[in-house]
Amino acid sequence: MIKNNLTNLLKKKTLIKNTYEELEYIKEFLKTYKLSASDLNTFLEDPKVFLRNKVFKYPFEDNEYTIFGKVYHRVLELFFTKYKKD
């Protein structure tokens, strides 16, 4: 559903003004893309945000949740590395 909707929006050029390279990148991305519930909600709220954040993966400013996630993952990584050594 999301692949067809996104493709139709891109063909109509109502979503973004795009280049041939961008369209090819999106087509390649969609070949292996697996839809999640949060991605669907993002797309339904604003397709441009979905393109920017999920397809093109623009960097975004960290907030308290992403900072916590990064710290948590780093601690787990350090623990696992030390565990493997010892």
PDB file of N, CA and C in Angstrom:
ATOM      1  N   MET A   1       0.813  -1.188   0.000  1.00  0.00           N
ATOM      2  CA  MET A   1       0.000   0.000   0.000  1.00  0.00           C
ATOM      3  C   MET A   1       0.862   1.258   0.000  1.00  0.00           C
ATOM      4  N   ILE A   2       1.800   1.338   0.951  1.00  0.00           N
ATOM      5  CA  ILE A   2       2.630   2.541   1.046  1.00  0.00           C
ATOM      6  C   ILE A   2       3.528   2.682  -0.180  1.00  0.00           C
ATOM      7  N   LYS A   3       4.006   1.549  -0.704  1.00  0.00           N
ATOM      8  CA  LYS A   3       4.866   1.609  -1.889  1.00  0.00           C
ATOM      9  C   LYS A   3       4.088   2.161  -3.072  1.00  0.00           C
ATOM     10  N   ASN A   4       2.862   1.681  -3.252  1.00  0.00           N
ATOM     11  CA  ASN A   4       2.041   2.160  -4.365  1.00  0.00           C
ATOM     12  C   ASN A   4       1.678   3.626  -4.197  1.00  0.00           C
ATOM     13  N   ASN A   5       1.297   4.015  -2.982  1.00  0.00           N
ATOM     14  CA  ASN A   5       0.945   5.416  -2.736  1.00  0.00           C
ATOM     15  C   ASN A   5       2.130   6.334  -2.957  1.00  0.00           C
ATOM     16  N   LEU A   6       3.287   5.932  -2.449  1.00  0.00           N
ATOM     17  CA  LEU A   6       4.486   6.752  -2.611  1.00  0.00           C
ATOM     18  C   LEU A   6       4.874   6.848  -4.081  1.00  0.00           C
ATOM     19  N   THR A   7       4.811   5.739  -4.785  1.00  0.00           N
ATOM     20  CA  THR A   7       5.138   5.749  -6.209  1.00  0.00           C
ATOM     21  C   THR A   7       4.185   6.644  -6.976  1.00  0.00           C
ATOM     22  N   ASN A   8       2.888   6.555  -6.689  1.00  0.00           N
ATOM     23  CA  ASN A   8       1.909   7.403  -7.375  1.00  0.00           C
ATOM     24  C   ASN A   8       2.138   8.881  -7.079  1.00  0.00           C
ATOM     25  N   LEU A   9       2.423   9.203  -5.836  1.00  0.00           N
ATOM     26  CA  LEU A   9       2.693  10.598  -5.483  1.00  0.00           C
ATOM     27  C   LEU A   9       3.932  11.119  -6.194  1.00  0.00           C
ATOM     28  N   LEU A  10       4.946  10.271  -6.297  1.00  0.00           N
ATOM     29  CA  LEU A  10       6.174  10.696  -6.971  1.00  0.00           C
ATOM     30  C   LEU A  10       5.950  10.894  -8.467  1.00  0.00           C
ATOM     31  N   LYS A  11       5.151  10.015  -9.064  1.00  0.00           N
ATOM     32  CA  LYS A  11       4.873  10.144 -10.495  1.00  0.00           C
ATOM     33  C   LYS A  11       4.117  11.429 -10.797  1.00  0.00           C
ATOM     34  N   LYS A  12       3.194  11.800  -9.907  1.00  0.00           N
ATOM     35  CA  LYS A  12       2.418  13.026 -10.098  1.00  0.00           C
ATOM     36  C   LYS A  12       3.232  14.270  -9.787  1.00  0.00           C
ATOM     37  N   LYS A  13       4.362  14.075  -9.117  1.00  0.00           N
ATOM     38  CA  LYS A  13       5.245  15.165  -8.704  1.00  0.00           C
ATOM     39  C   LYS A  13       4.524  16.146  -7.790  1.00  0.00           C
ATOM     40  N   THR A  14       3.566  15.652  -7.019  1.00  0.00           N
ATOM     41  CA  THR A  14       2.886  16.512  -6.058  1.00  0.00           C
ATOM     42  C   THR A  14       3.573  16.472  -4.711  1.00  0.00           C
ATOM     43  N   LEU A  15       4.334  15.428  -4.465  1.00  0.00           N
ATOM     44  CA  LEU A  15       4.994  15.277  -3.177  1.00  0.00           C
ATOM     45  C   LEU A  15       6.271  16.109  -3.128  1.00  0.00           C
ATOM     46  N   ILE A  16       7.118  15.908  -4.079  1.00  0.00           N
ATOM     47  CA  ILE A  16       8.370  16.670  -4.157  1.00  0.00           C
ATOM     48  C   ILE A  16       8.713  16.864  -5.620  1.00  0.00           C
ATOM     49  N   LYS A  17       9.529  17.858  -5.882  1.00  0.00           N
ATOM     50  CA  LYS A  17      10.121  17.975  -7.211  1.00  0.00           C
ATOM     51  C   LYS A  17      11.392  17.157  -7.135  1.00  0.00           C
ATOM     52  N   ASN A  18      11.481  16.145  -7.978  1.00  0.00           N
ATOM     53  CA  ASN A  18      12.591  15.218  -7.839  1.00  0.00           C
ATOM     54  C   ASN A  18      13.363  15.079  -9.136  1.00  0.00           C
ATOM     55  N   THR A  19      14.580  14.616  -8.965  1.00  0.00           N
ATOM     56  CA  THR A  19      15.434  14.352 -10.112  1.00  0.00           C
ATOM     57  C   THR A  19      15.341  12.876 -10.460  1.00  0.00           C
ATOM     58  N   TYR A  20      15.878  12.526 -11.584  1.00  0.00           N
ATOM     59  CA  TYR A  20      15.909  11.129 -12.011  1.00  0.00           C
ATOM     60  C   TYR A  20      16.670  10.278 -10.997  1.00  0.00           C
ATOM     61  N   GLU A  21      17.774  10.810 -10.479  1.00  0.00           N
ATOM     62  CA  GLU A  21      18.586  10.072  -9.512  1.00  0.00           C
ATOM     63  C   GLU A  21      17.809   9.808  -8.222  1.00  0.00           C
ATOM     64  N   GLU A  22      17.048  10.797  -7.781  1.00  0.00           N
ATOM     65  CA  GLU A  22      16.235  10.608  -6.574  1.00  0.00           C
ATOM     66  C   GLU A  22      15.177   9.533  -6.785  1.00  0.00           C
ATOM     67  N   LEU A  23      14.537   9.569  -7.935  1.00  0.00           N
ATOM     68  CA  LEU A  23      13.532   8.543  -8.229  1.00  0.00           C
ATOM     69  C   LEU A  23      14.151   7.154  -8.270  1.00  0.00           C
ATOM     70  N   GLU A  24      15.315   7.032  -8.855  1.00  0.00           N
ATOM     71  CA  GLU A  24      15.996   5.738  -8.895  1.00  0.00           C
ATOM     72  C   GLU A  24      16.387   5.274  -7.498  1.00  0.00           C
ATOM     73  N   TYR A  25      16.854   6.204  -6.674  1.00  0.00           N
ATOM     74  CA  TYR A  25      17.203   5.860  -5.298  1.00  0.00           C
ATOM     75  C   TYR A  25      15.976   5.359  -4.546  1.00  0.00           C
ATOM     76  N   ILE A  26      14.856   6.039  -4.709  1.00  0.00           N
ATOM     77  CA  ILE A  26      13.619   5.646  -4.027  1.00  0.00           C
ATOM     78  C   ILE A  26      13.161   4.281  -4.509  1.00  0.00           C
ATOM     79  N   LYS A  27      13.244   4.033  -5.805  1.00  0.00           N
ATOM     80  CA  LYS A  27      12.845   2.720  -6.339  1.00  0.00           C
ATOM     81  C   LYS A  27      13.704   1.607  -5.740  1.00  0.00           C
ATOM     82  N   GLU A  28      15.010   1.836  -5.656  1.00  0.00           N
ATOM     83  CA  GLU A  28      15.906   0.838  -5.063  1.00  0.00           C
ATOM     84  C   GLU A  28      15.609   0.643  -3.584  1.00  0.00           C
ATOM     85  N   PHE A  29      15.344   1.738  -2.889  1.00  0.00           N
ATOM     86  CA  PHE A  29      15.016   1.663  -1.468  1.00  0.00           C
ATOM     87  C   PHE A  29      13.761   0.823  -1.253  1.00  0.00           C
ATOM     88  N   LEU A  30      12.753   1.027  -2.072  1.00  0.00           N
ATOM     89  CA  LEU A  30      11.476   0.342  -1.893  1.00  0.00           C
ATOM     90  C   LEU A  30      11.535  -1.144  -2.227  1.00  0.00           C
ATOM     91  N   LYS A  31      12.540  -1.564  -2.966  1.00  0.00           N
ATOM     92  CA  LYS A  31      12.661  -2.987  -3.303  1.00  0.00           C
ATOM     93  C   LYS A  31      12.891  -3.844  -2.060  1.00  0.00           C
ATOM     94  N   THR A  32      13.611  -3.321  -1.091  1.00  0.00           N
ATOM     95  CA  THR A  32      13.930  -4.105   0.105  1.00  0.00           C
ATOM     96  C   THR A  32      13.266  -3.556   1.364  1.00  0.00           C
ATOM     97  N   TYR A  33      12.453  -2.540   1.200  1.00  0.00           N
ATOM     98  CA  TYR A  33      11.835  -1.880   2.353  1.00  0.00           C
ATOM     99  C   TYR A  33      10.759  -2.752   2.987  1.00  0.00           C
ATOM    100  N   LYS A  34      10.762  -2.814   4.310  1.00  0.00           N
ATOM    101  CA  LYS A  34       9.723  -3.524   5.058  1.00  0.00           C
ATOM    102  C   LYS A  34       8.977  -2.500   5.907  1.00  0.00           C
ATOM    103  N   LEU A  35       7.683  -2.471   5.737  1.00  0.00           N
ATOM    104  CA  LEU A  35       6.839  -1.486   6.397  1.00  0.00           C
ATOM    105  C   LEU A  35       6.664  -1.803   7.881  1.00  0.00           C
ATOM    106  N   SER A  36       6.826  -0.787   8.731  1.00  0.00           N
ATOM    107  CA  SER A  36       6.543  -0.931  10.153  1.00  0.00           C
ATOM    108  C   SER A  36       5.345  -0.045  10.492  1.00  0.00           C
ATOM    109  N   ALA A  37       4.760  -0.286  11.641  1.00  0.00           N
ATOM    110  CA  ALA A  37       3.598   0.498  12.054  1.00  0.00           C
ATOM    111  C   ALA A  37       3.959   1.969  12.221  1.00  0.00           C
ATOM    112  N   SER A  38       5.118   2.242  12.809  1.00  0.00           N
ATOM    113  CA  SER A  38       5.502   3.646  13.003  1.00  0.00           C
ATOM    114  C   SER A  38       5.792   4.335  11.670  1.00  0.00           C
ATOM    115  N   ASP A  39       6.363   3.598  10.714  1.00  0.00           N
ATOM    116  CA  ASP A  39       6.589   4.172   9.388  1.00  0.00           C
ATOM    117  C   ASP A  39       5.266   4.483   8.694  1.00  0.00           C
ATOM    118  N   LEU A  40       4.308   3.594   8.834  1.00  0.00           N
ATOM    119  CA  LEU A  40       2.992   3.835   8.235  1.00  0.00           C
ATOM    120  C   LEU A  40       2.353   5.074   8.845  1.00  0.00           C
ATOM    121  N   ASN A  41       2.423   5.202  10.158  1.00  0.00           N
ATOM    122  CA  ASN A  41       1.862   6.388  10.819  1.00  0.00           C
ATOM    123  C   ASN A  41       2.551   7.659  10.357  1.00  0.00           C
ATOM    124  N   THR A  42       3.866   7.603  10.219  1.00  0.00           N
ATOM    125  CA  THR A  42       4.610   8.766   9.728  1.00  0.00           C
ATOM    126  C   THR A  42       4.158   9.132   8.331  1.00  0.00           C
ATOM    127  N   PHE A  43       4.012   8.127   7.464  1.00  0.00           N
ATOM    128  CA  PHE A  43       3.582   8.373   6.089  1.00  0.00           C
ATOM    129  C   PHE A  43       2.183   8.968   6.049  1.00  0.00           C
ATOM    130  N   LEU A  44       1.288   8.432   6.865  1.00  0.00           N
ATOM    131  CA  LEU A  44      -0.092   8.927   6.871  1.00  0.00           C
ATOM    132  C   LEU A  44      -0.183  10.352   7.411  1.00  0.00           C
ATOM    133  N   GLU A  45       0.670  10.686   8.382  1.00  0.00           N
ATOM    134  CA  GLU A  45       0.679  12.047   8.922  1.00  0.00           C
ATOM    135  C   GLU A  45       1.236  13.043   7.915  1.00  0.00           C
ATOM    136  N   ASP A  46       2.370  12.697   7.318  1.00  0.00           N
ATOM    137  CA  ASP A  46       2.986  13.605   6.350  1.00  0.00           C
ATOM    138  C   ASP A  46       3.961  12.826   5.469  1.00  0.00           C
ATOM    139  N   PRO A  47       3.606  12.579   4.213  1.00  0.00           N
ATOM    140  CA  PRO A  47       4.501  11.822   3.314  1.00  0.00           C
ATOM    141  C   PRO A  47       5.875  12.466   3.128  1.00  0.00           C
ATOM    142  N   LYS A  48       5.935  13.796   3.210  1.00  0.00           N
ATOM    143  CA  LYS A  48       7.236  14.463   3.060  1.00  0.00           C
ATOM    144  C   LYS A  48       8.169  14.111   4.217  1.00  0.00           C
ATOM    145  N   VAL A  49       7.630  14.037   5.413  1.00  0.00           N
ATOM    146  CA  VAL A  49       8.433  13.656   6.580  1.00  0.00           C
ATOM    147  C   VAL A  49       8.910  12.214   6.424  1.00  0.00           C
ATOM    148  N   PHE A  50       8.031  11.346   5.928  1.00  0.00           N
ATOM    149  CA  PHE A  50       8.418   9.953   5.679  1.00  0.00           C
ATOM    150  C   PHE A  50       9.587   9.896   4.696  1.00  0.00           C
ATOM    151  N   LEU A  51       9.492  10.629   3.611  1.00  0.00           N
ATOM    152  CA  LEU A  51      10.581  10.656   2.628  1.00  0.00           C
ATOM    153  C   LEU A  51      11.870  11.163   3.261  1.00  0.00           C
ATOM    154  N   ARG A  52      11.766  12.260   3.971  1.00  0.00           N
ATOM    155  CA  ARG A  52      12.953  12.880   4.555  1.00  0.00           C
ATOM    156  C   ARG A  52      13.611  11.977   5.595  1.00  0.00           C
ATOM    157  N   ASN A  53      12.805  11.397   6.491  1.00  0.00           N
ATOM    158  CA  ASN A  53      13.372  10.653   7.614  1.00  0.00           C
ATOM    159  C   ASN A  53      13.626   9.186   7.323  1.00  0.00           C
ATOM    160  N   LYS A  54      12.775   8.532   6.572  1.00  0.00           N
ATOM    161  CA  LYS A  54      12.885   7.086   6.360  1.00  0.00           C
ATOM    162  C   LYS A  54      13.600   6.729   5.066  1.00  0.00           C
ATOM    163  N   VAL A  55      13.274   7.422   3.999  1.00  0.00           N
ATOM    164  CA  VAL A  55      13.858   7.067   2.703  1.00  0.00           C
ATOM    165  C   VAL A  55      15.229   7.715   2.540  1.00  0.00           C
ATOM    166  N   PHE A  56      15.285   9.040   2.675  1.00  0.00           N
ATOM    167  CA  PHE A  56      16.550   9.747   2.479  1.00  0.00           C
ATOM    168  C   PHE A  56      17.404   9.765   3.740  1.00  0.00           C
ATOM    169  N   LYS A  57      16.804   9.473   4.883  1.00  0.00           N
ATOM    170  CA  LYS A  57      17.497   9.371   6.173  1.00  0.00           C
ATOM    171  C   LYS A  57      18.329  10.606   6.495  1.00  0.00           C
ATOM    172  N   TYR A  58      17.696  11.758   6.400  1.00  0.00           N
ATOM    173  CA  TYR A  58      18.363  12.995   6.779  1.00  0.00           C
ATOM    174  C   TYR A  58      18.681  12.949   8.265  1.00  0.00           C
ATOM    175  N   PRO A  59      19.818  13.498   8.646  1.00  0.00           N
ATOM    176  CA  PRO A  59      20.131  13.531  10.082  1.00  0.00           C
ATOM    177  C   PRO A  59      19.163  14.461  10.810  1.00  0.00           C
ATOM    178  N   PHE A  60      18.919  14.174  12.057  1.00  0.00           N
ATOM    179  CA  PHE A  60      18.021  15.012  12.841  1.00  0.00           C
ATOM    180  C   PHE A  60      18.680  15.357  14.158  1.00  0.00           C
ATOM    181  N   GLU A  61      18.159  16.362  14.794  1.00  0.00           N
ATOM    182  CA  GLU A  61      18.704  16.806  16.067  1.00  0.00           C
ATOM    183  C   GLU A  61      18.300  15.823  17.160  1.00  0.00           C
ATOM    184  N   ASP A  62      19.259  15.467  18.000  1.00  0.00           N
ATOM    185  CA  ASP A  62      18.976  14.542  19.091  1.00  0.00           C
ATOM    186  C   ASP A  62      18.015  15.162  20.091  1.00  0.00           C
ATOM    187  N   ASN A  63      17.182  14.314  20.667  1.00  0.00           N
ATOM    188  CA  ASN A  63      16.332  14.725  21.777  1.00  0.00           C
ATOM    189  C   ASN A  63      16.641  13.804  22.955  1.00  0.00           C
ATOM    190  N   GLU A  64      15.924  13.960  24.050  1.00  0.00           N
ATOM    191  CA  GLU A  64      16.240  13.182  25.252  1.00  0.00           C
ATOM    192  C   GLU A  64      16.114  11.675  25.024  1.00  0.00           C
ATOM    193  N   TYR A  65      15.212  11.259  24.138  1.00  0.00           N
ATOM    194  CA  TYR A  65      15.003   9.830  23.898  1.00  0.00           C
ATOM    195  C   TYR A  65      16.128   9.231  23.054  1.00  0.00           C
ATOM    196  N   THR A  66      16.545   9.956  22.017  1.00  0.00           N
ATOM    197  CA  THR A  66      17.619   9.419  21.178  1.00  0.00           C
ATOM    198  C   THR A  66      18.949   9.427  21.924  1.00  0.00           C
ATOM    199  N   ILE A  67      19.169  10.438  22.752  1.00  0.00           N
ATOM    200  CA  ILE A  67      20.397  10.475  23.542  1.00  0.00           C
ATOM    201  C   ILE A  67      20.429   9.293  24.505  1.00  0.00           C
ATOM    202  N   PHE A  68      19.312   9.034  25.175  1.00  0.00           N
ATOM    203  CA  PHE A  68      19.232   7.892  26.089  1.00  0.00           C
ATOM    204  C   PHE A  68      19.497   6.590  25.331  1.00  0.00           C
ATOM    205  N   GLY A  69      18.896   6.440  24.165  1.00  0.00           N
ATOM    206  CA  GLY A  69      19.091   5.231  23.361  1.00  0.00           C
ATOM    207  C   GLY A  69      20.540   5.036  22.967  1.00  0.00           C
ATOM    208  N   LYS A  70      21.209   6.105  22.567  1.00  0.00           N
ATOM    209  CA  LYS A  70      22.621   6.015  22.184  1.00  0.00           C
ATOM    210  C   LYS A  70      23.491   5.604  23.374  1.00  0.00           C
ATOM    211  N   VAL A  71      23.227   6.215  24.519  1.00  0.00           N
ATOM    212  CA  VAL A  71      23.994   5.882  25.718  1.00  0.00           C
ATOM    213  C   VAL A  71      23.753   4.427  26.105  1.00  0.00           C
ATOM    214  N   TYR A  72      22.505   4.006  26.095  1.00  0.00           N
ATOM    215  CA  TYR A  72      22.137   2.635  26.461  1.00  0.00           C
ATOM    216  C   TYR A  72      22.836   1.624  25.554  1.00  0.00           C
ATOM    217  N   HIS A  73      22.812   1.873  24.251  1.00  0.00           N
ATOM    218  CA  HIS A  73      23.449   0.957  23.311  1.00  0.00           C
ATOM    219  C   HIS A  73      24.964   0.945  23.475  1.00  0.00           C
ATOM    220  N   ARG A  74      25.536   2.093  23.754  1.00  0.00           N
ATOM    221  CA  ARG A  74      26.986   2.165  23.949  1.00  0.00           C
ATOM    222  C   ARG A  74      27.408   1.389  25.200  1.00  0.00           C
ATOM    223  N   VAL A  75      26.641   1.518  26.283  1.00  0.00           N
ATOM    224  CA  VAL A  75      26.943   0.781  27.509  1.00  0.00           C
ATOM    225  C   VAL A  75      26.863  -0.722  27.250  1.00  0.00           C
ATOM    226  N   LEU A  76      25.838  -1.160  26.534  1.00  0.00           N
ATOM    227  CA  LEU A  76      25.726  -2.586  26.201  1.00  0.00           C
ATOM    228  C   LEU A  76      26.898  -3.051  25.349  1.00  0.00           C
ATOM    229  N   GLU A  77      27.313  -2.212  24.414  1.00  0.00           N
ATOM    230  CA  GLU A  77      28.454  -2.558  23.561  1.00  0.00           C
ATOM    231  C   GLU A  77      29.728  -2.699  24.388  1.00  0.00           C
ATOM    232  N   LEU A  78      29.978  -1.746  25.276  1.00  0.00           N
ATOM    233  CA  LEU A  78      31.170  -1.808  26.126  1.00  0.00           C
ATOM    234  C   LEU A  78      31.129  -3.016  27.048  1.00  0.00           C
ATOM    235  N   PHE A  79      29.970  -3.299  27.616  1.00  0.00           N
ATOM    236  CA  PHE A  79      29.817  -4.474  28.487  1.00  0.00           C
ATOM    237  C   PHE A  79      30.123  -5.755  27.709  1.00  0.00           C
ATOM    238  N   PHE A  80      29.554  -5.889  26.526  1.00  0.00           N
ATOM    239  CA  PHE A  80      29.759  -7.089  25.726  1.00  0.00           C
ATOM    240  C   PHE A  80      31.223  -7.251  25.322  1.00  0.00           C
ATOM    241  N   THR A  81      31.864  -6.146  24.943  1.00  0.00           N
ATOM    242  CA  THR A  81      33.280  -6.205  24.572  1.00  0.00           C
ATOM    243  C   THR A  81      34.134  -6.651  25.747  1.00  0.00           C
ATOM    244  N   LYS A  82      33.876  -6.092  26.934  1.00  0.00           N
ATOM    245  CA  LYS A  82      34.635  -6.489  28.126  1.00  0.00           C
ATOM    246  C   LYS A  82      34.326  -7.932  28.485  1.00  0.00           C
ATOM    247  N   TYR A  83      33.081  -8.363  28.347  1.00  0.00           N
ATOM    248  CA  TYR A  83      32.665  -9.728  28.646  1.00  0.00           C
ATOM    249  C   TYR A  83      33.393 -10.726  27.746  1.00  0.00           C
ATOM    250  N   LYS A  84      33.509 -10.392  26.449  1.00  0.00           N
ATOM    251  CA  LYS A  84      34.230 -11.271  25.513  1.00  0.00           C
ATOM    252  C   LYS A  84      35.698 -11.381  25.871  1.00  0.00           C
ATOM    253  N   LYS A  85      36.309 -10.275  26.313  1.00  0.00           N
ATOM    254  CA  LYS A  85      37.724 -10.275  26.679  1.00  0.00           C
ATOM    255  C   LYS A  85      37.980 -11.130  27.910  1.00  0.00           C
ATOM    256  N   ASP A  86      37.160 -10.932  28.915  1.00  0.00           N
ATOM    257  CA  ASP A  86      37.367 -11.627  30.192  1.00  0.00           C
ATOM    258  C   ASP A  86      36.702 -12.980  30.135  1.00  0.00           C
TER     259      ASP A  86
END
